[in-house]
Amino acid sequence: MKKIYHLSGCSTCKRIIKDLNPGADFILQDIKTDKISEEQLNQMAELSGSYESLFSRRAIKFKELNLKDKDVSEEEYKNLILNEYTFLKRPVVIIGSQIFVGNSKEVVASAIKELHSI
């Protein structure tokens, strides 16, 4: 499977998608208009190792809900992401059995390298 979970209005996601230059065989899912299903999130967590690894601490709601001061369980991370799309660290790029989460230079470079190696 080749898929990118992103926000179409996010300039960072747009830039990364442009850098990746995904082919027509990629599925692009705008998580604002096409919400993530529990099955999709479970698959991402299985590939990444945890729901916490998919969770964005940069989301505005993170501060609003005072989550910084709380001990959040894996189940809570899962429910937070399912209930509020902004909690998903983005973009999430899946290439086969490889997952690349977030927009750090290292993650994007690894995704580009993987994409060009297939």
PDB file of N, CA and C in Angstrom:
ATOM      1  N   MET A   1       0.838  -1.173   0.000  1.00  0.00           N
ATOM      2  CA  MET A   1       0.000   0.000   0.000  1.00  0.00           C
ATOM      3  C   MET A   1       0.890   1.246   0.000  1.00  0.00           C
ATOM      4  N   LYS A   2       0.444   2.245  -0.729  1.00  0.00           N
ATOM      5  CA  LYS A   2       1.126   3.535  -0.767  1.00  0.00           C
ATOM      6  C   LYS A   2       0.081   4.590  -0.454  1.00  0.00           C
ATOM      7  N   LYS A   3       0.253   5.251   0.694  1.00  0.00           N
ATOM      8  CA  LYS A   3      -0.769   6.194   1.138  1.00  0.00           C
ATOM      9  C   LYS A   3      -0.136   7.337   1.908  1.00  0.00           C
ATOM     10  N   ILE A   4      -0.752   8.508   1.768  1.00  0.00           N
ATOM     11  CA  ILE A   4      -0.320   9.680   2.524  1.00  0.00           C
ATOM     12  C   ILE A   4      -1.533  10.272   3.219  1.00  0.00           C
ATOM     13  N   TYR A   5      -1.458  10.352   4.543  1.00  0.00           N
ATOM     14  CA  TYR A   5      -2.479  11.035   5.339  1.00  0.00           C
ATOM     15  C   TYR A   5      -1.956  12.449   5.563  1.00  0.00           C
ATOM     16  N   HIS A   6      -2.757  13.446   5.215  1.00  0.00           N
ATOM     17  CA  HIS A   6      -2.280  14.827   5.253  1.00  0.00           C
ATOM     18  C   HIS A   6      -3.449  15.789   5.464  1.00  0.00           C
ATOM     19  N   LEU A   7      -3.124  17.062   5.550  1.00  0.00           N
ATOM     20  CA  LEU A   7      -4.120  18.136   5.537  1.00  0.00           C
ATOM     21  C   LEU A   7      -3.876  18.950   4.272  1.00  0.00           C
ATOM     22  N   SER A   8      -4.896  19.065   3.440  1.00  0.00           N
ATOM     23  CA  SER A   8      -4.715  19.761   2.165  1.00  0.00           C
ATOM     24  C   SER A   8      -4.453  21.256   2.348  1.00  0.00           C
ATOM     25  N   GLY A   9      -4.866  21.819   3.456  1.00  0.00           N
ATOM     26  CA  GLY A   9      -4.652  23.243   3.693  1.00  0.00           C
ATOM     27  C   GLY A   9      -3.343  23.562   4.389  1.00  0.00           C
ATOM     28  N   CYS A  10      -2.558  22.546   4.705  1.00  0.00           N
ATOM     29  CA  CYS A  10      -1.311  22.730   5.442  1.00  0.00           C
ATOM     30  C   CYS A  10      -0.152  22.931   4.467  1.00  0.00           C
ATOM     31  N   SER A  11       0.520  24.064   4.573  1.00  0.00           N
ATOM     32  CA  SER A  11       1.613  24.363   3.644  1.00  0.00           C
ATOM     33  C   SER A  11       2.778  23.391   3.812  1.00  0.00           C
ATOM     34  N   THR A  12       3.022  22.924   5.017  1.00  0.00           N
ATOM     35  CA  THR A  12       4.099  21.963   5.246  1.00  0.00           C
ATOM     36  C   THR A  12       3.778  20.638   4.550  1.00  0.00           C
ATOM     37  N   CYS A  13       2.538  20.167   4.703  1.00  0.00           N
ATOM     38  CA  CYS A  13       2.134  18.922   4.024  1.00  0.00           C
ATOM     39  C   CYS A  13       2.242  19.081   2.509  1.00  0.00           C
ATOM     40  N   LYS A  14       1.812  20.220   2.000  1.00  0.00           N
ATOM     41  CA  LYS A  14       1.893  20.464   0.551  1.00  0.00           C
ATOM     42  C   LYS A  14       3.335  20.397   0.067  1.00  0.00           C
ATOM     43  N   ARG A  15       4.237  21.029   0.815  1.00  0.00           N
ATOM     44  CA  ARG A  15       5.654  21.048   0.441  1.00  0.00           C
ATOM     45  C   ARG A  15       6.241  19.640   0.457  1.00  0.00           C
ATOM     46  N   ILE A  16       5.916  18.878   1.487  1.00  0.00           N
ATOM     47  CA  ILE A  16       6.457  17.523   1.603  1.00  0.00           C
ATOM     48  C   ILE A  16       5.916  16.630   0.495  1.00  0.00           C
ATOM     49  N   ILE A  17       4.630  16.748   0.204  1.00  0.00           N
ATOM     50  CA  ILE A  17       4.047  15.953  -0.883  1.00  0.00           C
ATOM     51  C   ILE A  17       4.706  16.311  -2.212  1.00  0.00           C
ATOM     52  N   LYS A  18       4.966  17.599  -2.396  1.00  0.00           N
ATOM     53  CA  LYS A  18       5.646  18.027  -3.624  1.00  0.00           C
ATOM     54  C   LYS A  18       7.049  17.426  -3.682  1.00  0.00           C
ATOM     55  N   ASP A  19       7.766  17.437  -2.553  1.00  0.00           N
ATOM     56  CA  ASP A  19       9.113  16.862  -2.497  1.00  0.00           C
ATOM     57  C   ASP A  19       9.085  15.349  -2.733  1.00  0.00           C
ATOM     58  N   LEU A  20       8.069  14.684  -2.193  1.00  0.00           N
ATOM     59  CA  LEU A  20       7.942  13.239  -2.383  1.00  0.00           C
ATOM     60  C   LEU A  20       7.607  12.887  -3.828  1.00  0.00           C
ATOM     61  N   ASN A  21       6.836  13.762  -4.471  1.00  0.00           N
ATOM     62  CA  ASN A  21       6.388  13.538  -5.839  1.00  0.00           C
ATOM     63  C   ASN A  21       5.793  12.135  -6.002  1.00  0.00           C
ATOM     64  N   PRO A  22       4.732  11.851  -5.199  1.00  0.00           N
ATOM     65  CA  PRO A  22       4.154  10.505  -5.255  1.00  0.00           C
ATOM     66  C   PRO A  22       3.505  10.233  -6.606  1.00  0.00           C
ATOM     67  N   GLY A  23       3.590   9.001  -7.037  1.00  0.00           N
ATOM     68  CA  GLY A  23       2.993   8.616  -8.308  1.00  0.00           C
ATOM     69  C   GLY A  23       1.486   8.454  -8.197  1.00  0.00           C
ATOM     70  N   ALA A  24       0.887   8.121  -9.318  1.00  0.00           N
ATOM     71  CA  ALA A  24      -0.565   7.943  -9.377  1.00  0.00           C
ATOM     72  C   ALA A  24      -1.023   6.746  -8.546  1.00  0.00           C
ATOM     73  N   ASP A  25      -0.075   5.878  -8.166  1.00  0.00           N
ATOM     74  CA  ASP A  25      -0.433   4.705  -7.368  1.00  0.00           C
ATOM     75  C   ASP A  25      -0.572   5.025  -5.883  1.00  0.00           C
ATOM     76  N   PHE A  26      -0.318   6.269  -5.489  1.00  0.00           N
ATOM     77  CA  PHE A  26      -0.492   6.703  -4.108  1.00  0.00           C
ATOM     78  C   PHE A  26      -1.925   7.152  -3.859  1.00  0.00           C
ATOM     79  N   ILE A  27      -2.419   6.841  -2.667  1.00  0.00           N
ATOM     80  CA  ILE A  27      -3.714   7.345  -2.221  1.00  0.00           C
ATOM     81  C   ILE A  27      -3.418   8.491  -1.260  1.00  0.00           C
ATOM     82  N   LEU A  28      -4.001   9.654  -1.539  1.00  0.00           N
ATOM     83  CA  LEU A  28      -3.852  10.795  -0.644  1.00  0.00           C
ATOM     84  C   LEU A  28      -5.166  10.993   0.089  1.00  0.00           C
ATOM     85  N   GLN A  29      -5.100  11.000   1.421  1.00  0.00           N
ATOM     86  CA  GLN A  29      -6.300  11.165   2.230  1.00  0.00           C
ATOM     87  C   GLN A  29      -6.176  12.428   3.072  1.00  0.00           C
ATOM     88  N   ASP A  30      -7.055  13.396   2.780  1.00  0.00           N
ATOM     89  CA  ASP A  30      -7.116  14.621   3.565  1.00  0.00           C
ATOM     90  C   ASP A  30      -7.884  14.292   4.839  1.00  0.00           C
ATOM     91  N   ILE A  31      -7.200  14.287   5.972  1.00  0.00           N
ATOM     92  CA  ILE A  31      -7.809  13.828   7.220  1.00  0.00           C
ATOM     93  C   ILE A  31      -8.861  14.786   7.785  1.00  0.00           C
ATOM     94  N   LYS A  32      -8.922  15.980   7.232  1.00  0.00           N
ATOM     95  CA  LYS A  32      -9.965  16.914   7.685  1.00  0.00           C
ATOM     96  C   LYS A  32     -11.302  16.587   7.022  1.00  0.00           C
ATOM     97  N   THR A  33     -11.271  16.267   5.756  1.00  0.00           N
ATOM     98  CA  THR A  33     -12.517  15.997   5.027  1.00  0.00           C
ATOM     99  C   THR A  33     -12.853  14.506   4.972  1.00  0.00           C
ATOM    100  N   ASP A  34     -11.852  13.652   5.102  1.00  0.00           N
ATOM    101  CA  ASP A  34     -12.045  12.207   5.067  1.00  0.00           C
ATOM    102  C   ASP A  34     -11.410  11.642   6.339  1.00  0.00           C
ATOM    103  N   LYS A  35     -12.184  11.630   7.415  1.00  0.00           N
ATOM    104  CA  LYS A  35     -11.671  11.274   8.737  1.00  0.00           C
ATOM    105  C   LYS A  35     -10.998   9.902   8.754  1.00  0.00           C
ATOM    106  N   ILE A  36     -10.049   9.768   9.651  1.00  0.00           N
ATOM    107  CA  ILE A  36      -9.333   8.511   9.828  1.00  0.00           C
ATOM    108  C   ILE A  36     -10.256   7.530  10.535  1.00  0.00           C
ATOM    109  N   SER A  37     -10.302   6.314  10.019  1.00  0.00           N
ATOM    110  CA  SER A  37     -11.103   5.282  10.679  1.00  0.00           C
ATOM    111  C   SER A  37     -10.263   4.632  11.780  1.00  0.00           C
ATOM    112  N   GLU A  38     -10.935   3.945  12.678  1.00  0.00           N
ATOM    113  CA  GLU A  38     -10.228   3.237  13.742  1.00  0.00           C
ATOM    114  C   GLU A  38      -9.313   2.165  13.139  1.00  0.00           C
ATOM    115  N   GLU A  39      -9.780   1.513  12.100  1.00  0.00           N
ATOM    116  CA  GLU A  39      -8.981   0.486  11.422  1.00  0.00           C
ATOM    117  C   GLU A  39      -7.700   1.092  10.831  1.00  0.00           C
ATOM    118  N   GLN A  40      -7.829   2.253  10.198  1.00  0.00           N
ATOM    119  CA  GLN A  40      -6.653   2.922   9.622  1.00  0.00           C
ATOM    120  C   GLN A  40      -5.669   3.313  10.719  1.00  0.00           C
ATOM    121  N   LEU A  41      -6.187   3.865  11.821  1.00  0.00           N
ATOM    122  CA  LEU A  41      -5.326   4.285  12.919  1.00  0.00           C
ATOM    123  C   LEU A  41      -4.640   3.083  13.556  1.00  0.00           C
ATOM    124  N   ASN A  42      -5.366   1.982  13.703  1.00  0.00           N
ATOM    125  CA  ASN A  42      -4.768   0.762  14.250  1.00  0.00           C
ATOM    126  C   ASN A  42      -3.624   0.276  13.363  1.00  0.00           C
ATOM    127  N   GLN A  43      -3.821   0.349  12.049  1.00  0.00           N
ATOM    128  CA  GLN A  43      -2.778  -0.068  11.114  1.00  0.00           C
ATOM    129  C   GLN A  43      -1.546   0.838  11.253  1.00  0.00           C
ATOM    130  N   MET A  44      -1.765   2.148  11.351  1.00  0.00           N
ATOM    131  CA  MET A  44      -0.649   3.074  11.515  1.00  0.00           C
ATOM    132  C   MET A  44       0.112   2.782  12.809  1.00  0.00           C
ATOM    133  N   ALA A  45      -0.631   2.538  13.890  1.00  0.00           N
ATOM    134  CA  ALA A  45       0.009   2.264  15.184  1.00  0.00           C
ATOM    135  C   ALA A  45       0.789   0.960  15.147  1.00  0.00           C
ATOM    136  N   GLU A  46       0.269  -0.020  14.436  1.00  0.00           N
ATOM    137  CA  GLU A  46       0.972  -1.294  14.310  1.00  0.00           C
ATOM    138  C   GLU A  46       2.304  -1.091  13.582  1.00  0.00           C
ATOM    139  N   LEU A  47       2.282  -0.277  12.530  1.00  0.00           N
ATOM    140  CA  LEU A  47       3.508  -0.013  11.764  1.00  0.00           C
ATOM    141  C   LEU A  47       4.496   0.855  12.532  1.00  0.00           C
ATOM    142  N   SER A  48       3.980   1.833  13.279  1.00  0.00           N
ATOM    143  CA  SER A  48       4.867   2.776  13.967  1.00  0.00           C
ATOM    144  C   SER A  48       5.281   2.304  15.359  1.00  0.00           C
ATOM    145  N   GLY A  49       4.517   1.375  15.930  1.00  0.00           N
ATOM    146  CA  GLY A  49       4.870   0.850  17.245  1.00  0.00           C
ATOM    147  C   GLY A  49       4.011   1.350  18.386  1.00  0.00           C
ATOM    148  N   SER A  50       3.297   2.462  18.187  1.00  0.00           N
ATOM    149  CA  SER A  50       2.432   2.982  19.258  1.00  0.00           C
ATOM    150  C   SER A  50       1.537   4.094  18.727  1.00  0.00           C
ATOM    151  N   TYR A  51       0.495   4.373  19.491  1.00  0.00           N
ATOM    152  CA  TYR A  51      -0.374   5.512  19.162  1.00  0.00           C
ATOM    153  C   TYR A  51       0.340   6.815  19.543  1.00  0.00           C
ATOM    154  N   GLU A  52       1.135   6.739  20.596  1.00  0.00           N
ATOM    155  CA  GLU A  52       1.865   7.933  21.035  1.00  0.00           C
ATOM    156  C   GLU A  52       2.796   8.449  19.939  1.00  0.00           C
ATOM    157  N   SER A  53       3.407   7.543  19.171  1.00  0.00           N
ATOM    158  CA  SER A  53       4.329   7.953  18.102  1.00  0.00           C
ATOM    159  C   SER A  53       3.604   8.699  16.982  1.00  0.00           C
ATOM    160  N   LEU A  54       2.281   8.545  16.915  1.00  0.00           N
ATOM    161  CA  LEU A  54       1.470   9.216  15.898  1.00  0.00           C
ATOM    162  C   LEU A  54       0.874  10.524  16.406  1.00  0.00           C
ATOM    163  N   PHE A  55       1.064  10.792  17.676  1.00  0.00           N
ATOM    164  CA  PHE A  55       0.396  11.912  18.340  1.00  0.00           C
ATOM    165  C   PHE A  55       1.209  13.195  18.241  1.00  0.00           C
ATOM    166  N   SER A  56       0.537  14.266  17.852  1.00  0.00           N
ATOM    167  CA  SER A  56       1.196  15.570  17.731  1.00  0.00           C
ATOM    168  C   SER A  56       0.984  16.398  18.991  1.00  0.00           C
ATOM    169  N   ARG A  57       2.087  16.736  19.620  1.00  0.00           N
ATOM    170  CA  ARG A  57       2.018  17.605  20.801  1.00  0.00           C
ATOM    171  C   ARG A  57       1.987  19.085  20.399  1.00  0.00           C
ATOM    172  N   ARG A  58       2.043  19.351  19.107  1.00  0.00           N
ATOM    173  CA  ARG A  58       1.996  20.730  18.617  1.00  0.00           C
ATOM    174  C   ARG A  58       0.575  21.224  18.387  1.00  0.00           C
ATOM    175  N   ALA A  59      -0.390  20.316  18.446  1.00  0.00           N
ATOM    176  CA  ALA A  59      -1.787  20.701  18.212  1.00  0.00           C
ATOM    177  C   ALA A  59      -2.235  21.708  19.270  1.00  0.00           C
ATOM    178  N   ILE A  60      -3.005  22.685  18.837  1.00  0.00           N
ATOM    179  CA  ILE A  60      -3.503  23.716  19.748  1.00  0.00           C
ATOM    180  C   ILE A  60      -4.294  23.094  20.898  1.00  0.00           C
ATOM    181  N   LYS A  61      -5.077  22.069  20.587  1.00  0.00           N
ATOM    182  CA  LYS A  61      -5.891  21.415  21.617  1.00  0.00           C
ATOM    183  C   LYS A  61      -5.038  20.735  22.684  1.00  0.00           C
ATOM    184  N   PHE A  62      -3.801  20.402  22.354  1.00  0.00           N
ATOM    185  CA  PHE A  62      -2.905  19.782  23.332  1.00  0.00           C
ATOM    186  C   PHE A  62      -2.738  20.703  24.532  1.00  0.00           C
ATOM    187  N   LYS A  63      -2.536  21.981  24.251  1.00  0.00           N
ATOM    188  CA  LYS A  63      -2.398  22.972  25.327  1.00  0.00           C
ATOM    189  C   LYS A  63      -3.739  23.258  25.979  1.00  0.00           C
ATOM    190  N   GLU A  64      -4.796  23.371  25.155  1.00  0.00           N
ATOM    191  CA  GLU A  64      -6.127  23.662  25.688  1.00  0.00           C
ATOM    192  C   GLU A  64      -6.592  22.609  26.687  1.00  0.00           C
ATOM    193  N   LEU A  65      -6.271  21.353  26.426  1.00  0.00           N
ATOM    194  CA  LEU A  65      -6.700  20.254  27.293  1.00  0.00           C
ATOM    195  C   LEU A  65      -5.694  19.954  28.411  1.00  0.00           C
ATOM    196  N   ASN A  66      -4.636  20.774  28.512  1.00  0.00           N
ATOM    197  CA  ASN A  66      -3.587  20.595  29.521  1.00  0.00           C
ATOM    198  C   ASN A  66      -3.027  19.179  29.538  1.00  0.00           C
ATOM    199  N   LEU A  67      -2.803  18.611  28.360  1.00  0.00           N
ATOM    200  CA  LEU A  67      -2.326  17.240  28.276  1.00  0.00           C
ATOM    201  C   LEU A  67      -0.852  17.108  28.651  1.00  0.00           C
ATOM    202  N   LYS A  68      -0.135  18.220  28.609  1.00  0.00           N
ATOM    203  CA  LYS A  68       1.285  18.207  28.953  1.00  0.00           C
ATOM    204  C   LYS A  68       1.501  17.717  30.388  1.00  0.00           C
ATOM    205  N   ASP A  69       0.561  18.046  31.247  1.00  0.00           N
ATOM    206  CA  ASP A  69       0.685  17.709  32.663  1.00  0.00           C
ATOM    207  C   ASP A  69       0.020  16.387  33.035  1.00  0.00           C
ATOM    208  N   LYS A  70      -0.492  15.664  32.048  1.00  0.00           N
ATOM    209  CA  LYS A  70      -1.209  14.423  32.331  1.00  0.00           C
ATOM    210  C   LYS A  70      -0.421  13.217  31.828  1.00  0.00           C
ATOM    211  N   ASP A  71      -0.653  12.087  32.486  1.00  0.00           N
ATOM    212  CA  ASP A  71      -0.075  10.816  32.055  1.00  0.00           C
ATOM    213  C   ASP A  71      -1.101  10.171  31.129  1.00  0.00           C
ATOM    214  N   VAL A  72      -0.832  10.214  29.826  1.00  0.00           N
ATOM    215  CA  VAL A  72      -1.792   9.752  28.824  1.00  0.00           C
ATOM    216  C   VAL A  72      -1.481   8.312  28.426  1.00  0.00           C
ATOM    217  N   SER A  73      -2.498   7.447  28.446  1.00  0.00           N
ATOM    218  CA  SER A  73      -2.321   6.039  28.075  1.00  0.00           C
ATOM    219  C   SER A  73      -2.410   5.877  26.558  1.00  0.00           C
ATOM    220  N   GLU A  74      -1.989   4.721  26.077  1.00  0.00           N
ATOM    221  CA  GLU A  74      -2.079   4.422  24.643  1.00  0.00           C
ATOM    222  C   GLU A  74      -3.532   4.515  24.162  1.00  0.00           C
ATOM    223  N   GLU A  75      -4.451   3.986  24.945  1.00  0.00           N
ATOM    224  CA  GLU A  75      -5.875   4.027  24.574  1.00  0.00           C
ATOM    225  C   GLU A  75      -6.363   5.474  24.490  1.00  0.00           C
ATOM    226  N   GLU A  76      -5.898   6.323  25.398  1.00  0.00           N
ATOM    227  CA  GLU A  76      -6.280   7.738  25.360  1.00  0.00           C
ATOM    228  C   GLU A  76      -5.688   8.426  24.135  1.00  0.00           C
ATOM    229  N   TYR A  77      -4.434   8.122  23.801  1.00  0.00           N
ATOM    230  CA  TYR A  77      -3.842   8.687  22.575  1.00  0.00           C
ATOM    231  C   TYR A  77      -4.694   8.297  21.371  1.00  0.00           C
ATOM    232  N   LYS A  78      -5.064   7.039  21.308  1.00  0.00           N
ATOM    233  CA  LYS A  78      -5.888   6.545  20.207  1.00  0.00           C
ATOM    234  C   LYS A  78      -7.200   7.316  20.121  1.00  0.00           C
ATOM    235  N   ASN A  79      -7.889   7.436  21.243  1.00  0.00           N
ATOM    236  CA  ASN A  79      -9.182   8.133  21.246  1.00  0.00           C
ATOM    237  C   ASN A  79      -9.047   9.615  20.925  1.00  0.00           C
ATOM    238  N   LEU A  80      -7.990  10.245  21.409  1.00  0.00           N
ATOM    239  CA  LEU A  80      -7.764  11.662  21.103  1.00  0.00           C
ATOM    240  C   LEU A  80      -7.579  11.864  19.598  1.00  0.00           C
ATOM    241  N   ILE A  81      -6.779  11.008  18.972  1.00  0.00           N
ATOM    242  CA  ILE A  81      -6.536  11.130  17.526  1.00  0.00           C
ATOM    243  C   ILE A  81      -7.823  10.867  16.746  1.00  0.00           C
ATOM    244  N   LEU A  82      -8.587   9.864  17.155  1.00  0.00           N
ATOM    245  CA  LEU A  82      -9.832   9.548  16.447  1.00  0.00           C
ATOM    246  C   LEU A  82     -10.859  10.670  16.565  1.00  0.00           C
ATOM    247  N   ASN A  83     -10.851  11.353  17.716  1.00  0.00           N
ATOM    248  CA  ASN A  83     -11.849  12.403  17.952  1.00  0.00           C
ATOM    249  C   ASN A  83     -11.430  13.780  17.450  1.00  0.00           C
ATOM    250  N   GLU A  84     -10.145  13.990  17.235  1.00  0.00           N
ATOM    251  CA  GLU A  84      -9.666  15.305  16.796  1.00  0.00           C
ATOM    252  C   GLU A  84      -8.508  15.106  15.818  1.00  0.00           C
ATOM    253  N   TYR A  85      -8.786  15.327  14.535  1.00  0.00           N
ATOM    254  CA  TYR A  85      -7.793  15.054  13.484  1.00  0.00           C
ATOM    255  C   TYR A  85      -6.484  15.810  13.680  1.00  0.00           C
ATOM    256  N   THR A  86      -6.520  16.964  14.345  1.00  0.00           N
ATOM    257  CA  THR A  86      -5.292  17.752  14.511  1.00  0.00           C
ATOM    258  C   THR A  86      -4.279  17.065  15.432  1.00  0.00           C
ATOM    259  N   PHE A  87      -4.695  16.038  16.153  1.00  0.00           N
ATOM    260  CA  PHE A  87      -3.767  15.317  17.014  1.00  0.00           C
ATOM    261  C   PHE A  87      -2.898  14.321  16.250  1.00  0.00           C
ATOM    262  N   LEU A  88      -3.193  14.074  14.986  1.00  0.00           N
ATOM    263  CA  LEU A  88      -2.338  13.172  14.203  1.00  0.00           C
ATOM    264  C   LEU A  88      -1.118  13.943  13.717  1.00  0.00           C
ATOM    265  N   LYS A  89       0.052  13.437  14.040  1.00  0.00           N
ATOM    266  CA  LYS A  89       1.294  14.031  13.546  1.00  0.00           C
ATOM    267  C   LYS A  89       1.312  13.817  12.037  1.00  0.00           C
ATOM    268  N   ARG A  90       1.562  14.859  11.261  1.00  0.00           N
ATOM    269  CA  ARG A  90       1.451  14.721   9.819  1.00  0.00           C
ATOM    270  C   ARG A  90       2.634  15.351   9.087  1.00  0.00           C
ATOM    271  N   PRO A  91       2.745  14.886   7.851  1.00  0.00           N
ATOM    272  CA  PRO A  91       1.976  13.839   7.189  1.00  0.00           C
ATOM    273  C   PRO A  91       2.405  12.457   7.676  1.00  0.00           C
ATOM    274  N   VAL A  92       1.555  11.478   7.412  1.00  0.00           N
ATOM    275  CA  VAL A  92       1.896  10.080   7.640  1.00  0.00           C
ATOM    276  C   VAL A  92       1.992   9.444   6.256  1.00  0.00           C
ATOM    277  N   VAL A  93       3.160   8.922   5.949  1.00  0.00           N
ATOM    278  CA  VAL A  93       3.401   8.308   4.641  1.00  0.00           C
ATOM    279  C   VAL A  93       3.613   6.816   4.859  1.00  0.00           C
ATOM    280  N   ILE A  94       2.815   6.020   4.158  1.00  0.00           N
ATOM    281  CA  ILE A  94       2.967   4.574   4.232  1.00  0.00           C
ATOM    282  C   ILE A  94       3.390   4.073   2.852  1.00  0.00           C
ATOM    283  N   ILE A  95       4.525   3.369   2.840  1.00  0.00           N
ATOM    284  CA  ILE A  95       5.033   2.775   1.605  1.00  0.00           C
ATOM    285  C   ILE A  95       5.273   1.302   1.926  1.00  0.00           C
ATOM    286  N   GLY A  96       4.357   0.462   1.477  1.00  0.00           N
ATOM    287  CA  GLY A  96       4.446  -0.958   1.797  1.00  0.00           C
ATOM    288  C   GLY A  96       4.298  -1.175   3.289  1.00  0.00           C
ATOM    289  N   SER A  97       5.328  -1.752   3.904  1.00  0.00           N
ATOM    290  CA  SER A  97       5.292  -1.997   5.350  1.00  0.00           C
ATOM    291  C   SER A  97       6.075  -0.934   6.125  1.00  0.00           C
ATOM    292  N   GLN A  98       6.497   0.110   5.440  1.00  0.00           N
ATOM    293  CA  GLN A  98       7.245   1.206   6.069  1.00  0.00           C
ATOM    294  C   GLN A  98       6.316   2.374   6.353  1.00  0.00           C
ATOM    295  N   ILE A  99       6.507   3.018   7.514  1.00  0.00           N
ATOM    296  CA  ILE A  99       5.711   4.195   7.857  1.00  0.00           C
ATOM    297  C   ILE A  99       6.660   5.330   8.225  1.00  0.00           C
ATOM    298  N   PHE A 100       6.295   6.527   7.787  1.00  0.00           N
ATOM    299  CA  PHE A 100       7.075   7.730   8.050  1.00  0.00           C
ATOM    300  C   PHE A 100       6.115   8.754   8.630  1.00  0.00           C
ATOM    301  N   VAL A 101       6.364   9.156   9.872  1.00  0.00           N
ATOM    302  CA  VAL A 101       5.428  10.002  10.600  1.00  0.00           C
ATOM    303  C   VAL A 101       6.053  11.348  10.911  1.00  0.00           C
ATOM    304  N   GLY A 102       5.378  12.411  10.482  1.00  0.00           N
ATOM    305  CA  GLY A 102       5.819  13.755  10.824  1.00  0.00           C
ATOM    306  C   GLY A 102       6.584  14.445   9.714  1.00  0.00           C
ATOM    307  N   ASN A 103       7.069  15.628  10.047  1.00  0.00           N
ATOM    308  CA  ASN A 103       7.677  16.475   9.026  1.00  0.00           C
ATOM    309  C   ASN A 103       9.125  16.848   9.309  1.00  0.00           C
ATOM    310  N   SER A 104       9.787  16.087  10.189  1.00  0.00           N
ATOM    311  CA  SER A 104      11.195  16.402  10.439  1.00  0.00           C
ATOM    312  C   SER A 104      12.005  16.097   9.175  1.00  0.00           C
ATOM    313  N   LYS A 105      13.119  16.778   9.030  1.00  0.00           N
ATOM    314  CA  LYS A 105      13.956  16.591   7.835  1.00  0.00           C
ATOM    315  C   LYS A 105      14.387  15.137   7.683  1.00  0.00           C
ATOM    316  N   GLU A 106      14.712  14.493   8.811  1.00  0.00           N
ATOM    317  CA  GLU A 106      15.169  13.107   8.766  1.00  0.00           C
ATOM    318  C   GLU A 106      14.066  12.176   8.267  1.00  0.00           C
ATOM    319  N   VAL A 107      12.856  12.376   8.770  1.00  0.00           N
ATOM    320  CA  VAL A 107      11.722  11.528   8.384  1.00  0.00           C
ATOM    321  C   VAL A 107      11.405  11.710   6.902  1.00  0.00           C
ATOM    322  N   VAL A 108      11.367  12.958   6.454  1.00  0.00           N
ATOM    323  CA  VAL A 108      11.051  13.244   5.049  1.00  0.00           C
ATOM    324  C   VAL A 108      12.138  12.668   4.141  1.00  0.00           C
ATOM    325  N   ALA A 109      13.400  12.834   4.527  1.00  0.00           N
ATOM    326  CA  ALA A 109      14.507  12.291   3.723  1.00  0.00           C
ATOM    327  C   ALA A 109      14.416  10.764   3.638  1.00  0.00           C
ATOM    328  N   SER A 110      14.065  10.122   4.738  1.00  0.00           N
ATOM    329  CA  SER A 110      13.920   8.663   4.742  1.00  0.00           C
ATOM    330  C   SER A 110      12.770   8.223   3.846  1.00  0.00           C
ATOM    331  N   ALA A 111      11.674   8.965   3.876  1.00  0.00           N
ATOM    332  CA  ALA A 111      10.521   8.632   3.026  1.00  0.00           C
ATOM    333  C   ALA A 111      10.883   8.785   1.551  1.00  0.00           C
ATOM    334  N   ILE A 112      11.575   9.857   1.218  1.00  0.00           N
ATOM    335  CA  ILE A 112      11.994  10.079  -0.175  1.00  0.00           C
ATOM    336  C   ILE A 112      12.932   8.963  -0.616  1.00  0.00           C
ATOM    337  N   LYS A 113      13.882   8.598   0.243  1.00  0.00           N
ATOM    338  CA  LYS A 113      14.828   7.525  -0.072  1.00  0.00           C
ATOM    339  C   LYS A 113      14.094   6.214  -0.306  1.00  0.00           C
ATOM    340  N   GLU A 114      13.135   5.886   0.572  1.00  0.00           N
ATOM    341  CA  GLU A 114      12.354   4.657   0.425  1.00  0.00           C
ATOM    342  C   GLU A 114      11.533   4.680  -0.854  1.00  0.00           C
ATOM    343  N   LEU A 115      10.936   5.805  -1.153  1.00  0.00           N
ATOM    344  CA  LEU A 115      10.102   5.939  -2.345  1.00  0.00           C
ATOM    345  C   LEU A 115      10.915   5.717  -3.613  1.00  0.00           C
ATOM    346  N   HIS A 116      12.134   6.224  -3.630  1.00  0.00           N
ATOM    347  CA  HIS A 116      12.968   6.099  -4.828  1.00  0.00           C
ATOM    348  C   HIS A 116      13.700   4.760  -4.922  1.00  0.00           C
ATOM    349  N   SER A 117      13.624   3.962  -3.852  1.00  0.00           N
ATOM    350  CA  SER A 117      14.283   2.659  -3.877  1.00  0.00           C
ATOM    351  C   SER A 117      13.361   1.548  -4.383  1.00  0.00           C
ATOM    352  N   ILE A 118      12.073   1.890  -4.568  1.00  0.00           N
ATOM    353  CA  ILE A 118      11.139   0.849  -5.041  1.00  0.00           C
ATOM    354  C   ILE A 118      10.895   0.961  -6.522  1.00  0.00           C
TER     355      ILE A 118
END
